[in-house]
C-alpha cells in the first residue's frame, strides 16, 4: 500500500512539473528580426544569426525599415502560396507581424530592388 501511494505521489509530482514547464514556456511565437536599409541591405535573423532554416510554426516578425525607398516582403516560393508586404516603400520605422510558416521554400526581399536585396530560407 505504501508503495502504491509513493508511486502515485511521484507520478502526480512529475505531471505537475511537466505541466508547469509547458505553461512557463507557453506557445509564444519565436521572434525573428528583419532589417531593410538604410543602404541597399536586407536581413532576417533569429538570435543574431541569419535565418537559413526554421521549423514549421508561428513566428513573430519584427521588421525595422530604415529607409523610405525600401519595403520588406515575405513570400513562400515553393510548398504553397503566400505573399505579404510587412512594410511599405514609404514607411520608415518598426512593424511587427505574427505569421504561421508552413513547410517550403521562403524568400524575403525589397520589391523595388529585388534583384540585389533578397534572402532565402527553408521551413521544415
N, C-alpha and C. Protein backbone atom coordinates (compact mmCIF):
# COMPACT_ATOMS: atom_id res chain seq x y z
N UNK A 1 0.82 -1.19 0.00
CA UNK A 1 0.00 0.00 0.00
C UNK A 1 0.87 1.26 0.00
N UNK A 2 1.93 1.26 0.83
CA UNK A 2 2.82 2.41 0.89
C UNK A 2 3.48 2.66 -0.46
N UNK A 3 3.88 1.57 -1.14
CA UNK A 3 4.49 1.71 -2.46
C UNK A 3 3.52 2.35 -3.45
N UNK A 4 2.26 1.95 -3.40
CA UNK A 4 1.24 2.49 -4.31
C UNK A 4 1.07 3.98 -4.08
N UNK A 5 1.02 4.39 -2.83
CA UNK A 5 0.86 5.80 -2.50
C UNK A 5 2.09 6.58 -2.95
N UNK A 6 3.28 6.04 -2.71
CA UNK A 6 4.52 6.69 -3.11
C UNK A 6 4.59 6.81 -4.63
N UNK A 7 4.24 5.75 -5.34
CA UNK A 7 4.26 5.78 -6.81
C UNK A 7 3.26 6.79 -7.34
N UNK A 8 2.08 6.84 -6.76
CA UNK A 8 1.05 7.79 -7.20
C UNK A 8 1.51 9.22 -6.93
N UNK A 9 2.12 9.45 -5.78
CA UNK A 9 2.63 10.78 -5.45
C UNK A 9 3.73 11.22 -6.39
N UNK A 10 4.64 10.29 -6.71
CA UNK A 10 5.73 10.60 -7.64
C UNK A 10 5.17 10.92 -9.02
N UNK A 11 4.21 10.14 -9.49
CA UNK A 11 3.60 10.37 -10.80
C UNK A 11 2.89 11.72 -10.83
N UNK A 12 2.20 12.07 -9.76
CA UNK A 12 1.50 13.35 -9.69
C UNK A 12 2.49 14.51 -9.71
N UNK A 13 3.58 14.38 -8.96
CA UNK A 13 4.59 15.44 -8.93
C UNK A 13 5.23 15.62 -10.30
N UNK A 14 5.51 14.51 -10.98
CA UNK A 14 6.10 14.58 -12.31
C UNK A 14 5.13 15.25 -13.29
N UNK A 15 3.86 14.91 -13.21
CA UNK A 15 2.85 15.52 -14.08
C UNK A 15 2.78 17.02 -13.85
N UNK A 16 2.80 17.44 -12.59
CA UNK A 16 2.76 18.87 -12.28
C UNK A 16 4.00 19.59 -12.79
N UNK A 17 5.16 18.96 -12.65
CA UNK A 17 6.40 19.57 -13.12
C UNK A 17 6.37 19.74 -14.64
N UNK A 18 5.89 18.73 -15.36
CA UNK A 18 5.80 18.83 -16.82
C UNK A 18 4.80 19.90 -17.23
N UNK A 19 3.68 19.97 -16.54
CA UNK A 19 2.66 20.98 -16.85
C UNK A 19 3.20 22.38 -16.58
N UNK A 20 3.92 22.56 -15.48
CA UNK A 20 4.49 23.86 -15.16
C UNK A 20 5.52 24.27 -16.20
N UNK A 21 6.32 23.33 -16.67
CA UNK A 21 7.31 23.63 -17.71
C UNK A 21 6.60 24.06 -18.98
N UNK A 22 5.56 23.36 -19.37
CA UNK A 22 4.82 23.70 -20.58
C UNK A 22 4.16 25.06 -20.44
N UNK A 23 3.58 25.35 -19.28
CA UNK A 23 2.94 26.64 -19.07
C UNK A 23 3.96 27.77 -19.03
N UNK A 24 5.11 27.52 -18.45
CA UNK A 24 6.15 28.54 -18.39
C UNK A 24 6.68 28.89 -19.77
N UNK A 25 6.78 27.89 -20.63
CA UNK A 25 7.26 28.11 -21.99
C UNK A 25 6.16 28.73 -22.81
N UNK A 26 4.95 28.24 -22.61
CA UNK A 26 3.80 28.74 -23.35
C UNK A 26 3.93 28.44 -24.83
N UNK A 27 2.98 28.93 -25.56
CA UNK A 27 3.01 28.77 -27.00
C UNK A 27 3.37 30.09 -27.65
N UNK A 28 4.20 30.86 -27.00
CA UNK A 28 4.62 32.16 -27.51
C UNK A 28 5.44 31.97 -28.78
N UNK A 29 5.09 32.68 -29.86
CA UNK A 29 5.85 32.54 -31.11
C UNK A 29 7.30 32.97 -30.93
N UNK A 30 8.19 32.33 -31.66
CA UNK A 30 9.59 32.70 -31.66
C UNK A 30 9.76 34.00 -32.44
N UNK A 31 10.73 34.80 -32.04
CA UNK A 31 10.94 36.11 -32.64
C UNK A 31 11.99 36.05 -33.75
N UNK A 32 11.65 36.65 -34.89
CA UNK A 32 12.59 36.84 -36.00
C UNK A 32 12.72 38.34 -36.21
N UNK A 33 13.95 38.80 -36.41
CA UNK A 33 14.21 40.22 -36.56
C UNK A 33 14.66 40.51 -37.98
N UNK A 34 13.89 41.34 -38.67
CA UNK A 34 14.23 41.72 -40.03
C UNK A 34 14.67 43.17 -40.08
N UNK A 35 15.51 43.47 -41.05
CA UNK A 35 16.00 44.83 -41.23
C UNK A 35 16.13 45.12 -42.72
N UNK A 36 15.74 46.32 -43.11
CA UNK A 36 15.90 46.75 -44.50
C UNK A 36 16.38 48.20 -44.49
N UNK A 37 17.45 48.46 -45.29
CA UNK A 37 18.06 49.79 -45.32
C UNK A 37 18.98 49.99 -44.14
N UNK A 38 19.62 51.16 -44.02
CA UNK A 38 19.43 52.37 -44.80
C UNK A 38 20.05 52.30 -46.20
N UNK A 39 21.08 51.51 -46.38
CA UNK A 39 21.65 51.33 -47.72
C UNK A 39 20.85 50.27 -48.45
N UNK A 40 21.47 49.56 -49.34
CA UNK A 40 20.79 48.50 -50.09
C UNK A 40 21.05 47.15 -49.43
N UNK A 41 20.57 47.03 -48.17
CA UNK A 41 20.75 45.80 -47.40
C UNK A 41 19.41 45.32 -46.87
N UNK A 42 19.29 44.00 -46.73
CA UNK A 42 18.10 43.40 -46.15
C UNK A 42 18.54 42.14 -45.41
N UNK A 43 17.94 41.89 -44.24
CA UNK A 43 18.34 40.70 -43.47
C UNK A 43 17.16 40.18 -42.67
N UNK A 44 17.28 38.91 -42.28
CA UNK A 44 16.32 38.27 -41.38
C UNK A 44 17.13 37.40 -40.43
N UNK A 45 17.02 37.68 -39.12
CA UNK A 45 17.84 36.97 -38.14
C UNK A 45 17.00 36.41 -37.00
N UNK A 46 17.56 35.38 -36.38
CA UNK A 46 17.00 34.81 -35.15
C UNK A 46 18.15 34.71 -34.17
N UNK A 47 18.02 35.35 -33.04
CA UNK A 47 19.08 35.38 -32.02
C UNK A 47 20.40 35.86 -32.61
N UNK A 48 20.35 36.86 -33.48
CA UNK A 48 21.55 37.45 -34.05
C UNK A 48 22.18 36.70 -35.21
N UNK A 49 21.61 35.58 -35.61
CA UNK A 49 22.16 34.78 -36.71
C UNK A 49 21.21 34.79 -37.90
N UNK A 50 21.77 34.89 -39.10
CA UNK A 50 20.96 34.89 -40.32
C UNK A 50 20.14 33.62 -40.41
N UNK A 51 18.86 33.77 -40.70
CA UNK A 51 17.95 32.63 -40.81
C UNK A 51 18.24 31.88 -42.10
N UNK A 52 18.51 30.58 -41.98
CA UNK A 52 18.72 29.69 -43.12
C UNK A 52 17.68 28.59 -43.15
N UNK A 53 17.26 28.13 -41.97
CA UNK A 53 16.30 27.04 -41.85
C UNK A 53 15.50 27.21 -40.56
N UNK A 54 14.20 26.96 -40.64
CA UNK A 54 13.32 27.05 -39.48
C UNK A 54 12.40 25.84 -39.44
N UNK A 55 11.87 25.57 -38.26
CA UNK A 55 10.84 24.55 -38.13
C UNK A 55 9.50 25.21 -38.44
N UNK A 56 8.59 24.45 -39.04
CA UNK A 56 7.25 24.98 -39.30
C UNK A 56 6.63 25.42 -37.99
N UNK A 57 5.95 26.54 -38.00
CA UNK A 57 5.31 27.05 -36.80
C UNK A 57 5.02 28.53 -36.91
N UNK A 58 4.64 29.11 -35.79
CA UNK A 58 4.27 30.52 -35.75
C UNK A 58 5.44 31.35 -35.25
N UNK A 59 5.70 32.45 -35.96
CA UNK A 59 6.82 33.33 -35.65
C UNK A 59 6.34 34.78 -35.61
N UNK A 60 6.97 35.56 -34.73
CA UNK A 60 6.73 36.99 -34.70
C UNK A 60 7.87 37.67 -35.43
N UNK A 61 7.53 38.37 -36.51
CA UNK A 61 8.50 39.11 -37.30
C UNK A 61 8.51 40.55 -36.80
N UNK A 62 9.68 41.03 -36.41
CA UNK A 62 9.86 42.42 -36.00
C UNK A 62 10.76 43.04 -37.06
N UNK A 63 10.17 43.89 -37.89
CA UNK A 63 10.87 44.45 -39.04
C UNK A 63 11.22 45.91 -38.79
N UNK A 64 12.50 46.22 -38.92
CA UNK A 64 12.99 47.59 -38.81
C UNK A 64 13.30 48.10 -40.21
N UNK A 65 12.48 49.03 -40.68
CA UNK A 65 12.63 49.61 -42.02
C UNK A 65 13.32 50.96 -41.85
N UNK A 66 14.55 51.05 -42.31
CA UNK A 66 15.37 52.23 -42.06
C UNK A 66 15.47 53.18 -43.24
N UNK A 67 14.65 52.96 -44.28
CA UNK A 67 14.71 53.82 -45.46
C UNK A 67 13.35 53.89 -46.14
N UNK A 68 12.97 55.07 -46.59
CA UNK A 68 11.67 55.25 -47.23
C UNK A 68 11.69 54.86 -48.71
N UNK A 69 12.77 54.24 -49.18
CA UNK A 69 12.83 53.77 -50.57
C UNK A 69 12.76 52.25 -50.66
N UNK A 70 12.62 51.59 -49.51
CA UNK A 70 12.59 50.12 -49.47
C UNK A 70 11.31 49.62 -48.81
N UNK A 71 11.03 48.34 -49.00
CA UNK A 71 9.98 47.66 -48.25
C UNK A 71 10.49 46.27 -47.88
N UNK A 72 9.72 45.54 -47.09
CA UNK A 72 10.09 44.19 -46.68
C UNK A 72 8.91 43.29 -47.01
N UNK A 73 9.13 42.36 -47.94
CA UNK A 73 8.09 41.44 -48.39
C UNK A 73 8.51 40.02 -48.04
N UNK A 74 7.57 39.22 -47.55
CA UNK A 74 7.79 37.81 -47.25
C UNK A 74 6.96 36.99 -48.22
N UNK A 75 7.60 36.00 -48.86
CA UNK A 75 6.91 35.20 -49.88
C UNK A 75 7.29 33.73 -49.75
N UNK A 76 6.31 32.88 -49.92
CA UNK A 76 6.54 31.43 -49.96
C UNK A 76 6.71 31.06 -51.43
N UNK A 77 7.92 30.65 -51.78
CA UNK A 77 8.22 30.35 -53.18
C UNK A 77 7.79 28.95 -53.60
N UNK A 78 7.99 27.97 -52.71
CA UNK A 78 7.62 26.59 -53.02
C UNK A 78 6.94 25.97 -51.81
N UNK A 79 5.93 25.15 -52.07
CA UNK A 79 5.22 24.49 -50.98
C UNK A 79 3.91 25.17 -50.65
N UNK A 80 3.47 26.10 -51.49
CA UNK A 80 2.21 26.81 -51.25
C UNK A 80 2.31 28.22 -51.76
N UNK A 81 1.26 29.00 -51.52
CA UNK A 81 1.29 30.40 -51.96
C UNK A 81 1.07 31.31 -50.76
N UNK A 82 1.90 32.32 -50.66
CA UNK A 82 1.81 33.31 -49.60
C UNK A 82 2.70 34.47 -50.02
N UNK A 83 2.18 35.67 -49.94
CA UNK A 83 2.99 36.87 -50.15
C UNK A 83 2.41 37.97 -49.28
N UNK A 84 3.27 38.56 -48.45
CA UNK A 84 2.80 39.62 -47.55
C UNK A 84 3.85 40.71 -47.47
N UNK A 85 3.40 41.93 -47.69
CA UNK A 85 4.26 43.09 -47.54
C UNK A 85 4.22 43.48 -46.07
N UNK A 86 5.35 43.34 -45.37
CA UNK A 86 5.40 43.64 -43.94
C UNK A 86 5.64 45.12 -43.67
N UNK A 87 6.36 45.80 -44.58
CA UNK A 87 6.48 47.26 -44.53
C UNK A 87 6.30 47.79 -45.95
N UNK A 88 5.81 49.01 -46.07
CA UNK A 88 5.61 49.62 -47.39
C UNK A 88 6.81 50.48 -47.76
N UNK A 89 6.88 50.85 -49.04
CA UNK A 89 8.02 51.64 -49.53
C UNK A 89 8.09 52.98 -48.81
N UNK A 90 7.00 53.64 -48.58
CA UNK A 90 7.05 54.96 -47.95
C UNK A 90 7.24 54.90 -46.43
N UNK A 91 7.06 53.72 -45.83
CA UNK A 91 7.16 53.57 -44.38
C UNK A 91 8.61 53.55 -43.92
N UNK A 92 8.84 54.18 -42.77
CA UNK A 92 10.15 54.14 -42.11
C UNK A 92 9.86 53.98 -40.62
N UNK A 93 10.37 52.88 -40.02
CA UNK A 93 10.09 52.61 -38.62
C UNK A 93 10.08 51.12 -38.37
N UNK A 94 9.38 50.69 -37.32
CA UNK A 94 9.33 49.27 -36.95
C UNK A 94 7.89 48.78 -36.98
N UNK A 95 7.71 47.59 -37.56
CA UNK A 95 6.40 46.94 -37.58
C UNK A 95 6.57 45.50 -37.12
N UNK A 96 5.51 44.97 -36.53
CA UNK A 96 5.50 43.60 -36.03
C UNK A 96 4.33 42.84 -36.65
N UNK A 97 4.59 41.59 -37.06
CA UNK A 97 3.54 40.73 -37.61
C UNK A 97 3.79 39.30 -37.14
N UNK A 98 2.73 38.62 -36.75
CA UNK A 98 2.84 37.21 -36.35
C UNK A 98 2.31 36.36 -37.50
N UNK A 99 3.16 35.45 -37.98
CA UNK A 99 2.86 34.68 -39.19
C UNK A 99 3.16 33.21 -38.96
N UNK A 100 2.26 32.36 -39.43
CA UNK A 100 2.48 30.90 -39.38
C UNK A 100 3.21 30.50 -40.65
N UNK A 101 4.40 29.91 -40.48
CA UNK A 101 5.20 29.45 -41.61
C UNK A 101 5.00 27.95 -41.79
N UNK A 102 4.55 27.57 -42.97
CA UNK A 102 4.41 26.16 -43.31
C UNK A 102 5.65 25.67 -44.03
N UNK A 103 5.75 24.37 -44.20
CA UNK A 103 6.90 23.78 -44.87
C UNK A 103 7.02 24.31 -46.29
N UNK A 104 8.26 24.54 -46.70
CA UNK A 104 8.51 25.02 -48.06
C UNK A 104 9.72 25.93 -48.12
N UNK A 105 9.90 26.53 -49.28
CA UNK A 105 10.99 27.48 -49.50
C UNK A 105 10.41 28.89 -49.43
N UNK A 106 11.05 29.72 -48.61
CA UNK A 106 10.57 31.07 -48.37
C UNK A 106 11.62 32.08 -48.82
N UNK A 107 11.15 33.29 -49.11
CA UNK A 107 12.03 34.37 -49.57
C UNK A 107 11.56 35.68 -48.93
N UNK A 108 12.51 36.54 -48.60
CA UNK A 108 12.19 37.90 -48.17
C UNK A 108 12.97 38.84 -49.08
N UNK A 109 12.37 39.99 -49.38
CA UNK A 109 13.01 40.88 -50.35
C UNK A 109 12.41 42.28 -50.28
N UNK A 110 13.10 43.21 -50.92
CA UNK A 110 12.61 44.56 -51.16
C UNK A 110 12.08 44.55 -52.59
N UNK A 111 10.79 44.79 -52.76
CA UNK A 111 10.18 44.66 -54.09
C UNK A 111 10.80 45.59 -55.14
N UNK A 112 11.06 46.88 -54.85
CA UNK A 112 11.66 47.73 -55.88
C UNK A 112 13.11 47.34 -56.23
N UNK A 113 13.79 46.66 -55.34
CA UNK A 113 15.21 46.33 -55.54
C UNK A 113 15.46 44.83 -55.35
N UNK A 114 14.52 44.01 -55.77
CA UNK A 114 14.56 42.57 -55.51
C UNK A 114 15.81 41.89 -56.06
N UNK A 115 16.30 42.34 -57.20
CA UNK A 115 17.46 41.69 -57.83
C UNK A 115 18.67 41.67 -56.89
N UNK A 116 18.84 42.71 -56.09
CA UNK A 116 20.00 42.78 -55.21
C UNK A 116 19.70 42.71 -53.73
N UNK A 117 18.41 42.79 -53.38
CA UNK A 117 18.04 42.82 -51.96
C UNK A 117 17.06 41.69 -51.67
N UNK A 118 17.60 40.51 -51.35
CA UNK A 118 16.75 39.36 -51.06
C UNK A 118 17.50 38.34 -50.23
N UNK A 119 16.76 37.46 -49.61
CA UNK A 119 17.33 36.34 -48.86
C UNK A 119 16.35 35.18 -48.91
N UNK A 120 16.84 33.97 -48.67
CA UNK A 120 16.01 32.78 -48.71
C UNK A 120 16.22 31.93 -47.47
N UNK A 121 15.20 31.14 -47.13
CA UNK A 121 15.33 30.16 -46.06
C UNK A 121 14.32 29.04 -46.29
N UNK A 122 14.59 27.89 -45.68
CA UNK A 122 13.71 26.72 -45.79
C UNK A 122 12.97 26.52 -44.48
N UNK A 123 11.74 26.06 -44.59
CA UNK A 123 10.96 25.70 -43.41
C UNK A 123 10.67 24.21 -43.52
N UNK A 124 11.05 23.48 -42.47
CA UNK A 124 10.90 22.01 -42.47
C UNK A 124 9.86 21.56 -41.48
